Amino acid sequence: MGDKVHLQNIFKTNTQNTSRLRGQTKVKPPKNSASPQSFNPLCPSHLHFLRSGMVSRFAVVLLIGFLGMFYQAKQLPPPQINGSSSSQDLPVSSHRIKLSDGRYLAYREKGVSKDESKFRIIVCHGFGSSKDMTILASQDLIVELGIYFLLYDRPGYGESDPNPNSSVENEAYDIQELADQLQIGSRFYMIGVSMGSYSAWSCLKHIPHRLAGTALLVPLVNYQWPSLPYSLIKEDYRRKFLSLGLWLSTYVPGLLHWWVTQNWIPSTSVLEKNPIFFNERDIDILKTIPGFPMLSKRSLKEQRVFDTLRSDFMIAFGEWEFDPLKLSNPYGENESSVHIWQGYEDKVVPVQLQRYVSGQLPWIQYHEVPDGGHLIIHYKGLFDTILRAVLVGEEPVCYRPKSVS
Protein backbone atom coordinates (compact mmCIF):
# COMPACT_ATOMS: atom_id res chain seq x y z
CA MET A 1 0.00 0.00 0.00
CA GLY A 2 2.83 2.35 0.91
CA ASP A 3 4.48 1.71 -2.49
CA LYS A 4 1.23 2.51 -4.27
CA VAL A 5 0.84 5.83 -2.41
CA HIS A 6 4.49 6.62 -3.13
CA LEU A 7 4.00 6.00 -6.88
CA GLN A 8 0.86 8.16 -6.85
CA ASN A 9 2.81 10.98 -5.20
CA ILE A 10 5.58 10.65 -7.79
CA PHE A 11 3.05 10.83 -10.61
CA LYS A 12 1.27 13.80 -8.97
CA THR A 13 4.57 15.69 -8.70
CA ASN A 14 5.43 14.77 -12.33
CA THR A 15 2.05 16.06 -13.52
CA GLN A 16 2.51 19.33 -11.61
CA ASN A 17 6.00 19.76 -13.03
CA THR A 18 4.69 19.03 -16.51
CA SER A 19 1.98 21.66 -16.04
CA ARG A 20 4.57 24.20 -14.98
CA LEU A 21 6.74 23.34 -17.97
CA ARG A 22 3.82 23.78 -20.30
CA GLY A 23 3.20 27.20 -18.81
CA GLN A 24 6.80 28.26 -19.29
CA THR A 25 7.76 26.75 -22.64
CA LYS A 26 5.59 26.58 -25.71
CA VAL A 27 6.44 23.79 -28.08
CA LYS A 28 5.61 25.15 -31.52
CA PRO A 29 3.95 22.36 -33.52
CA PRO A 30 4.34 22.01 -37.27
CA LYS A 31 1.90 24.30 -39.05
CA ASN A 32 0.34 21.43 -40.92
CA SER A 33 0.31 18.94 -38.06
CA ALA A 34 -2.51 20.26 -35.90
CA SER A 35 -4.14 16.84 -35.84
CA PRO A 36 -4.72 15.29 -32.41
CA GLN A 37 -2.51 12.45 -33.64
CA SER A 38 0.54 14.74 -33.50
CA PHE A 39 3.16 13.70 -30.97
CA ASN A 40 3.46 15.99 -27.92
CA PRO A 41 5.47 14.52 -25.06
CA LEU A 42 4.18 17.22 -22.68
CA CYS A 43 0.48 16.58 -23.38
CA PRO A 44 -1.25 14.99 -20.35
CA SER A 45 -3.57 13.03 -22.66
CA HIS A 46 -0.55 11.01 -23.77
CA LEU A 47 -0.04 10.01 -20.12
CA HIS A 48 -3.62 8.69 -19.88
CA PHE A 49 -2.42 5.11 -19.49
CA LEU A 50 -0.75 6.13 -16.21
CA ARG A 51 -3.82 7.89 -14.80
CA SER A 52 -6.15 5.05 -15.72
CA GLY A 53 -5.02 2.94 -12.76
CA MET A 54 -3.89 0.19 -15.15
CA VAL A 55 -0.20 0.71 -14.54
CA SER A 56 1.61 -2.57 -14.96
CA ARG A 57 4.82 -3.52 -13.25
CA PHE A 58 6.48 -3.41 -16.64
CA ALA A 59 5.41 0.22 -17.12
CA VAL A 60 6.73 1.13 -13.68
CA VAL A 61 10.07 -0.47 -14.53
CA LEU A 62 10.19 1.49 -17.78
CA LEU A 63 9.42 4.72 -15.94
CA ILE A 64 12.13 4.09 -13.36
CA GLY A 65 14.56 3.16 -16.14
CA PHE A 66 13.75 6.36 -18.01
CA LEU A 67 14.34 8.43 -14.87
CA GLY A 68 17.65 6.63 -14.43
CA MET A 69 18.66 7.41 -18.01
CA PHE A 70 17.67 11.04 -17.50
CA TYR A 71 19.77 11.25 -14.34
CA GLN A 72 22.82 9.78 -16.07
CA ALA A 73 22.32 12.03 -19.07
CA LYS A 74 22.34 15.08 -16.79
CA GLN A 75 25.90 14.16 -15.84
CA LEU A 76 27.06 14.84 -19.41
CA PRO A 77 28.48 18.26 -20.27
CA PRO A 78 25.79 20.50 -21.79
CA PRO A 79 25.83 20.80 -25.58
CA GLN A 80 27.20 23.95 -27.13
CA ILE A 81 24.50 26.26 -28.45
CA ASN A 82 24.28 25.55 -32.17
CA GLY A 83 27.65 23.85 -31.98
CA SER A 84 29.46 27.03 -31.03
CA SER A 85 32.85 25.46 -30.29
CA SER A 86 35.58 26.48 -32.70
CA SER A 87 37.58 24.29 -35.04
CA GLN A 88 40.61 26.48 -34.30
CA ASP A 89 41.26 24.17 -31.34
CA LEU A 90 41.76 21.26 -33.79
CA PRO A 91 44.71 20.53 -36.08
CA VAL A 92 43.99 21.85 -39.56
CA SER A 93 45.23 20.21 -42.75
CA SER A 94 42.77 21.61 -45.30
CA HIS A 95 42.61 24.79 -47.28
CA ARG A 96 40.31 27.30 -45.59
CA ILE A 97 38.89 30.75 -46.16
CA LYS A 98 38.02 33.28 -43.49
CA LEU A 99 34.44 34.52 -43.74
CA SER A 100 33.38 38.08 -43.01
CA ASP A 101 32.08 37.10 -39.56
CA GLY A 102 35.44 35.57 -38.60
CA ARG A 103 34.54 31.91 -39.08
CA TYR A 104 36.68 29.58 -41.18
CA LEU A 105 35.31 27.41 -43.97
CA ALA A 106 37.34 24.41 -45.16
CA TYR A 107 37.23 23.34 -48.79
CA ARG A 108 38.65 20.87 -51.30
CA GLU A 109 39.09 21.22 -55.06
CA LYS A 110 38.76 18.39 -57.56
CA GLY A 111 38.66 17.97 -61.34
CA VAL A 112 40.42 20.15 -63.88
CA SER A 113 42.08 23.33 -62.72
CA LYS A 114 39.84 26.30 -62.07
CA ASP A 115 41.48 28.38 -64.79
CA GLU A 116 41.02 25.66 -67.43
CA SER A 117 37.46 24.75 -66.45
CA LYS A 118 34.28 25.37 -68.43
CA PHE A 119 31.93 24.33 -65.64
CA ARG A 120 32.45 25.14 -61.97
CA ILE A 121 30.36 23.22 -59.45
CA ILE A 122 29.96 23.71 -55.70
CA VAL A 123 28.97 20.48 -53.93
CA CYS A 124 27.08 20.48 -50.59
CA HIS A 125 27.51 17.23 -48.66
CA GLY A 126 24.81 15.48 -46.65
CA PHE A 127 24.24 14.63 -42.99
CA GLY A 128 27.27 13.11 -41.30
CA SER A 129 29.45 13.55 -44.38
CA SER A 130 32.09 16.12 -45.36
CA LYS A 131 34.00 17.71 -48.21
CA ASP A 132 35.88 14.41 -48.49
CA MET A 133 32.79 12.63 -49.81
CA THR A 134 33.35 10.41 -52.83
CA ILE A 135 32.68 12.01 -56.23
CA LEU A 136 32.03 9.26 -58.78
CA ALA A 137 32.32 11.35 -61.92
CA SER A 138 34.43 9.58 -64.51
CA GLN A 139 37.75 11.17 -65.36
CA ASP A 140 36.85 11.03 -69.05
CA LEU A 141 33.75 13.16 -68.48
CA ILE A 142 35.59 15.58 -66.20
CA VAL A 143 38.18 16.19 -68.92
CA GLU A 144 35.66 16.18 -71.79
CA LEU A 145 33.45 18.86 -70.23
CA GLY A 146 36.15 20.66 -68.27
CA ILE A 147 34.58 20.28 -64.82
CA TYR A 148 35.97 21.88 -61.67
CA PHE A 149 34.47 20.75 -58.34
CA LEU A 150 34.56 22.81 -55.16
CA LEU A 151 33.54 20.80 -52.10
CA TYR A 152 33.39 22.40 -48.66
CA ASP A 153 32.68 21.39 -45.07
CA ARG A 154 29.36 22.87 -44.07
CA PRO A 155 29.42 24.80 -40.74
CA GLY A 156 30.66 22.63 -37.87
CA TYR A 157 31.65 19.72 -40.10
CA GLY A 158 35.24 18.65 -40.71
CA GLU A 159 37.55 21.63 -40.38
CA SER A 160 34.93 24.35 -40.75
CA ASP A 161 33.90 26.43 -37.76
CA PRO A 162 30.36 26.05 -36.44
CA ASN A 163 28.03 28.98 -36.98
CA PRO A 164 26.32 30.03 -33.72
CA ASN A 165 23.71 31.82 -35.86
CA SER A 166 23.10 28.95 -38.26
CA SER A 167 19.97 29.10 -40.37
CA VAL A 168 18.81 27.96 -43.77
CA GLU A 169 19.30 31.50 -45.08
CA ASN A 170 22.88 31.79 -43.82
CA GLU A 171 23.89 28.77 -45.88
CA ALA A 172 23.36 30.73 -49.11
CA TYR A 173 25.59 33.59 -48.02
CA ASP A 174 28.36 31.25 -46.85
CA ILE A 175 28.32 29.71 -50.33
CA GLN A 176 28.31 33.10 -52.02
CA GLU A 177 31.29 34.24 -49.97
CA LEU A 178 33.13 30.99 -50.70
CA ALA A 179 32.56 31.48 -54.43
CA ASP A 180 33.70 35.10 -54.32
CA GLN A 181 36.86 34.50 -52.30
CA LEU A 182 37.92 31.64 -54.57
CA GLN A 183 36.96 33.67 -57.65
CA ILE A 184 34.99 30.97 -59.44
CA GLY A 185 32.93 33.53 -61.32
CA SER A 186 29.67 35.43 -61.08
CA ARG A 187 27.68 32.28 -61.82
CA PHE A 188 28.34 28.68 -60.87
CA TYR A 189 26.58 25.32 -60.65
CA MET A 190 25.42 23.70 -57.45
CA ILE A 191 24.78 20.13 -56.33
CA GLY A 192 23.07 19.49 -52.98
CA VAL A 193 23.12 15.91 -51.70
CA SER A 194 20.44 14.64 -49.30
CA MET A 195 20.38 16.97 -46.27
CA GLY A 196 22.87 19.22 -48.04
CA SER A 197 19.97 20.10 -50.33
CA TYR A 198 18.72 22.72 -47.87
CA SER A 199 21.80 24.75 -48.78
CA ALA A 200 20.77 24.50 -52.44
CA TRP A 201 17.15 25.47 -51.65
CA SER A 202 18.53 28.47 -49.76
CA CYS A 203 20.55 29.54 -52.80
CA LEU A 204 17.50 29.20 -55.06
CA LYS A 205 15.64 31.49 -52.66
CA HIS A 206 18.29 34.06 -51.78
CA ILE A 207 20.94 34.11 -54.55
CA PRO A 208 19.32 32.54 -57.64
CA HIS A 209 21.16 35.00 -59.90
CA ARG A 210 24.43 33.29 -58.95
CA LEU A 211 23.32 29.81 -60.07
CA ALA A 212 23.91 28.64 -63.63
CA GLY A 213 22.27 25.31 -62.81
CA THR A 214 21.27 23.24 -59.78
CA ALA A 215 20.86 19.54 -59.04
CA LEU A 216 19.21 18.32 -55.83
CA LEU A 217 20.01 14.65 -55.26
CA VAL A 218 17.55 12.76 -53.02
CA PRO A 219 16.78 16.09 -51.32
CA LEU A 220 15.18 16.19 -47.90
CA VAL A 221 11.50 17.00 -47.54
CA ASN A 222 10.69 19.00 -44.40
CA TYR A 223 7.36 17.94 -42.91
CA GLN A 224 6.91 21.49 -41.57
CA TRP A 225 6.74 23.08 -45.01
CA PRO A 226 3.32 24.76 -44.88
CA SER A 227 2.27 23.67 -48.37
CA LEU A 228 2.63 19.95 -47.70
CA PRO A 229 -0.92 18.60 -47.30
CA TYR A 230 -1.50 16.85 -43.98
CA SER A 231 -3.33 14.04 -45.74
CA LEU A 232 -0.09 13.16 -47.53
CA ILE A 233 2.06 12.93 -44.40
CA LYS A 234 -0.24 12.00 -41.51
CA GLU A 235 0.51 8.26 -41.69
CA ASP A 236 4.21 8.66 -42.46
CA TYR A 237 6.20 7.17 -39.57
CA ARG A 238 9.16 9.37 -40.54
CA ARG A 239 7.21 12.48 -39.56
CA LYS A 240 6.59 11.16 -36.05
CA PHE A 241 10.19 10.06 -35.71
CA LEU A 242 11.45 13.49 -36.79
CA SER A 243 9.02 15.26 -34.42
CA LEU A 244 10.38 13.22 -31.54
CA GLY A 245 13.96 13.91 -32.64
CA LEU A 246 13.32 17.66 -32.78
CA TRP A 247 11.74 17.66 -29.33
CA LEU A 248 14.63 15.72 -27.80
CA SER A 249 17.20 17.91 -29.57
CA THR A 250 15.52 21.06 -28.28
CA TYR A 251 14.58 20.20 -24.71
CA VAL A 252 16.74 17.28 -23.54
CA PRO A 253 19.89 17.24 -25.71
CA GLY A 254 21.87 15.70 -22.85
CA LEU A 255 19.53 12.73 -22.77
CA LEU A 256 19.71 12.40 -26.55
CA HIS A 257 23.52 12.49 -26.45
CA TRP A 258 23.60 9.81 -23.78
CA TRP A 259 21.07 7.67 -25.66
CA VAL A 260 22.85 7.59 -29.02
CA THR A 261 26.15 6.53 -27.46
CA GLN A 262 24.85 3.52 -25.51
CA ASN A 263 26.20 0.09 -26.38
CA TRP A 264 22.73 -1.43 -26.70
CA ILE A 265 21.80 1.00 -29.48
CA PRO A 266 22.49 -0.64 -32.90
CA SER A 267 25.82 0.39 -34.39
CA THR A 268 26.06 2.11 -37.76
CA SER A 269 27.32 -1.15 -39.26
CA VAL A 270 24.04 -2.78 -38.22
CA LEU A 271 21.91 0.13 -39.44
CA GLU A 272 23.67 0.07 -42.80
CA LYS A 273 22.36 -3.47 -43.35
CA ASN A 274 18.82 -2.66 -42.24
CA PRO A 275 16.20 -2.89 -45.01
CA ILE A 276 14.09 -0.35 -43.10
CA PHE A 277 16.55 2.36 -44.16
CA PHE A 278 18.10 1.04 -47.36
CA ASN A 279 16.98 -0.99 -50.34
CA GLU A 280 19.00 -3.93 -51.66
CA ARG A 281 21.04 -1.81 -54.04
CA ASP A 282 21.97 0.63 -51.27
CA ILE A 283 23.02 -2.22 -48.98
CA ASP A 284 25.30 -3.56 -51.72
CA ILE A 285 26.80 -0.07 -52.14
CA LEU A 286 27.48 0.21 -48.41
CA LYS A 287 29.73 -2.84 -48.66
CA THR A 288 32.08 -0.88 -50.93
CA ILE A 289 32.14 2.62 -49.38
CA PRO A 290 33.20 3.88 -45.93
CA GLY A 291 29.57 4.37 -44.87
CA PHE A 292 28.89 6.97 -42.19
CA PRO A 293 31.87 7.05 -39.80
CA MET A 294 30.74 10.36 -38.26
CA LEU A 295 27.61 8.60 -37.00
CA SER A 296 29.52 5.89 -35.13
CA LYS A 297 29.21 5.72 -31.33
CA ARG A 298 32.88 6.59 -30.99
CA SER A 299 32.48 9.78 -33.01
CA LEU A 300 29.17 10.71 -31.40
CA LYS A 301 30.81 10.70 -27.97
CA GLU A 302 32.78 13.75 -29.07
CA GLN A 303 30.80 16.81 -27.99
CA ARG A 304 31.68 18.80 -31.10
CA VAL A 305 30.48 16.03 -33.43
CA PHE A 306 27.21 15.63 -31.55
CA ASP A 307 26.62 19.40 -31.49
CA THR A 308 27.23 19.68 -35.23
CA LEU A 309 24.84 16.86 -36.12
CA ARG A 310 22.22 18.13 -33.71
CA SER A 311 22.40 21.66 -35.11
CA ASP A 312 22.27 20.43 -38.71
CA PHE A 313 19.27 18.22 -37.97
CA MET A 314 17.38 21.02 -36.21
CA ILE A 315 17.97 23.48 -39.05
CA ALA A 316 17.03 21.00 -41.75
CA PHE A 317 13.80 19.81 -40.14
CA GLY A 318 12.87 22.86 -38.08
CA GLU A 319 10.79 25.78 -39.26
CA TRP A 320 12.23 27.52 -42.32
CA GLU A 321 11.84 31.21 -43.12
CA PHE A 322 10.36 30.34 -46.52
CA ASP A 323 8.33 27.59 -48.17
CA PRO A 324 10.23 25.98 -51.08
CA LEU A 325 6.96 24.86 -52.63
CA LYS A 326 6.01 28.52 -53.10
CA LEU A 327 9.17 29.46 -55.00
CA SER A 328 8.55 30.91 -58.44
CA ASN A 329 10.83 30.27 -61.37
CA PRO A 330 13.61 32.87 -61.04
CA TYR A 331 14.99 32.15 -64.51
CA GLY A 332 14.15 33.04 -68.06
CA GLU A 333 14.16 30.53 -70.89
CA ASN A 334 17.51 28.71 -71.22
CA GLU A 335 18.96 30.89 -68.46
CA SER A 336 19.39 28.07 -65.94
CA SER A 337 17.99 24.65 -65.09
CA VAL A 338 17.06 22.99 -61.81
CA HIS A 339 16.81 19.21 -61.38
CA ILE A 340 15.60 16.84 -58.67
CA TRP A 341 16.90 13.26 -58.69
CA GLN A 342 15.04 10.71 -56.59
CA GLY A 343 15.23 6.96 -56.04
CA TYR A 344 11.88 5.22 -56.45
CA GLU A 345 12.77 2.83 -53.60
CA ASP A 346 14.24 5.52 -51.32
CA LYS A 347 13.28 4.65 -47.73
CA VAL A 348 14.69 7.84 -46.21
CA VAL A 349 12.80 10.32 -48.40
CA PRO A 350 9.56 8.79 -49.74
CA VAL A 351 9.05 9.08 -53.47
CA GLN A 352 5.43 10.20 -53.01
CA LEU A 353 6.57 13.38 -51.25
CA GLN A 354 9.25 14.10 -53.82
CA ARG A 355 6.71 13.70 -56.61
CA TYR A 356 4.38 16.12 -54.87
CA VAL A 357 7.17 18.69 -54.44
CA SER A 358 8.17 18.49 -58.10
CA GLY A 359 4.50 18.67 -59.10
CA GLN A 360 4.18 21.99 -57.29
CA LEU A 361 7.31 23.32 -59.02
CA PRO A 362 6.86 22.52 -62.73
CA TRP A 363 9.93 24.58 -63.63
CA ILE A 364 12.08 21.94 -61.90
CA GLN A 365 12.95 18.87 -63.96
CA TYR A 366 12.18 15.69 -62.04
CA HIS A 367 14.12 12.45 -62.58
CA GLU A 368 13.43 9.10 -60.93
CA VAL A 369 15.73 6.08 -60.67
CA PRO A 370 13.41 3.02 -60.86
CA ASP A 371 15.45 0.71 -58.61
CA GLY A 372 17.19 3.51 -56.75
CA GLY A 373 17.38 3.98 -52.99
CA HIS A 374 18.87 6.89 -51.05
CA LEU A 375 22.46 6.35 -52.19
CA ILE A 376 21.99 6.91 -55.92
CA ILE A 377 24.98 9.26 -56.02
CA HIS A 378 27.16 6.15 -55.57
CA TYR A 379 25.56 4.11 -58.37
CA LYS A 380 28.01 3.36 -61.14
CA GLY A 381 27.62 5.71 -64.09
CA LEU A 382 24.66 7.63 -62.66
CA PHE A 383 26.62 10.67 -61.51
CA ASP A 384 27.88 11.15 -65.07
CA THR A 385 24.27 11.11 -66.24
CA ILE A 386 23.32 13.69 -63.60
CA LEU A 387 26.19 15.95 -64.65
CA ARG A 388 25.31 15.76 -68.34
CA ALA A 389 21.69 16.64 -67.55
CA VAL A 390 22.47 19.75 -65.52
CA LEU A 391 25.51 20.97 -67.48
CA VAL A 392 24.64 20.32 -71.13
CA GLY A 393 20.94 19.49 -71.02
CA GLU A 394 21.14 15.87 -72.14
CA GLU A 395 17.81 14.48 -71.00
CA PRO A 396 17.97 10.87 -69.75
CA VAL A 397 14.57 9.60 -70.90
CA CYS A 398 14.84 6.37 -68.91
CA TYR A 399 14.79 8.36 -65.66
CA ARG A 400 11.66 10.35 -66.46
CA PRO A 401 8.58 8.79 -64.84
CA LYS A 402 5.59 8.40 -67.13
CA SER A 403 3.33 10.19 -64.67
CA VAL A 404 4.04 12.28 -61.59
CA SER A 405 1.37 12.72 -58.95
Foldseek 3Di string as FASTA:
>chain_A
DVVVVVVVVVVVVVLVVLVVVVVVDPDDDQPQPPDPVADDPSDVVVVVCVVVPVDDPVNVVVVVVVVVLLVVLVPDDDFDQLLQDFLVVPDDDFDWDQDPVGWIKGKDKDFDDLVQAPAEEEEFDDFLDFNPDDQQDDNVLSVVRRYMYMYIGPDLPDRTHHDSPDALLVLLVVVVRVCVVVVSDQAHAYEAAALSCSSVLNCVVPPVVRYQEYEYENYADAPSQVPDHCVVPVPPVVNNVLVVLLVCLPPPVSSVLSVLLDPVPDFQVVVLCDCLQWPPVSSVLCVPDPGRVCSGSVNSNDSSSVSNSSSSSCNSHPDHPHRSLPDADPDDPSRFAYEYEEECAANNHHPLVVLVSCVSHVRHHYFYDDHDYSPVSSPPPVSNVVCCCRPVNDDDPVRHDPDGD
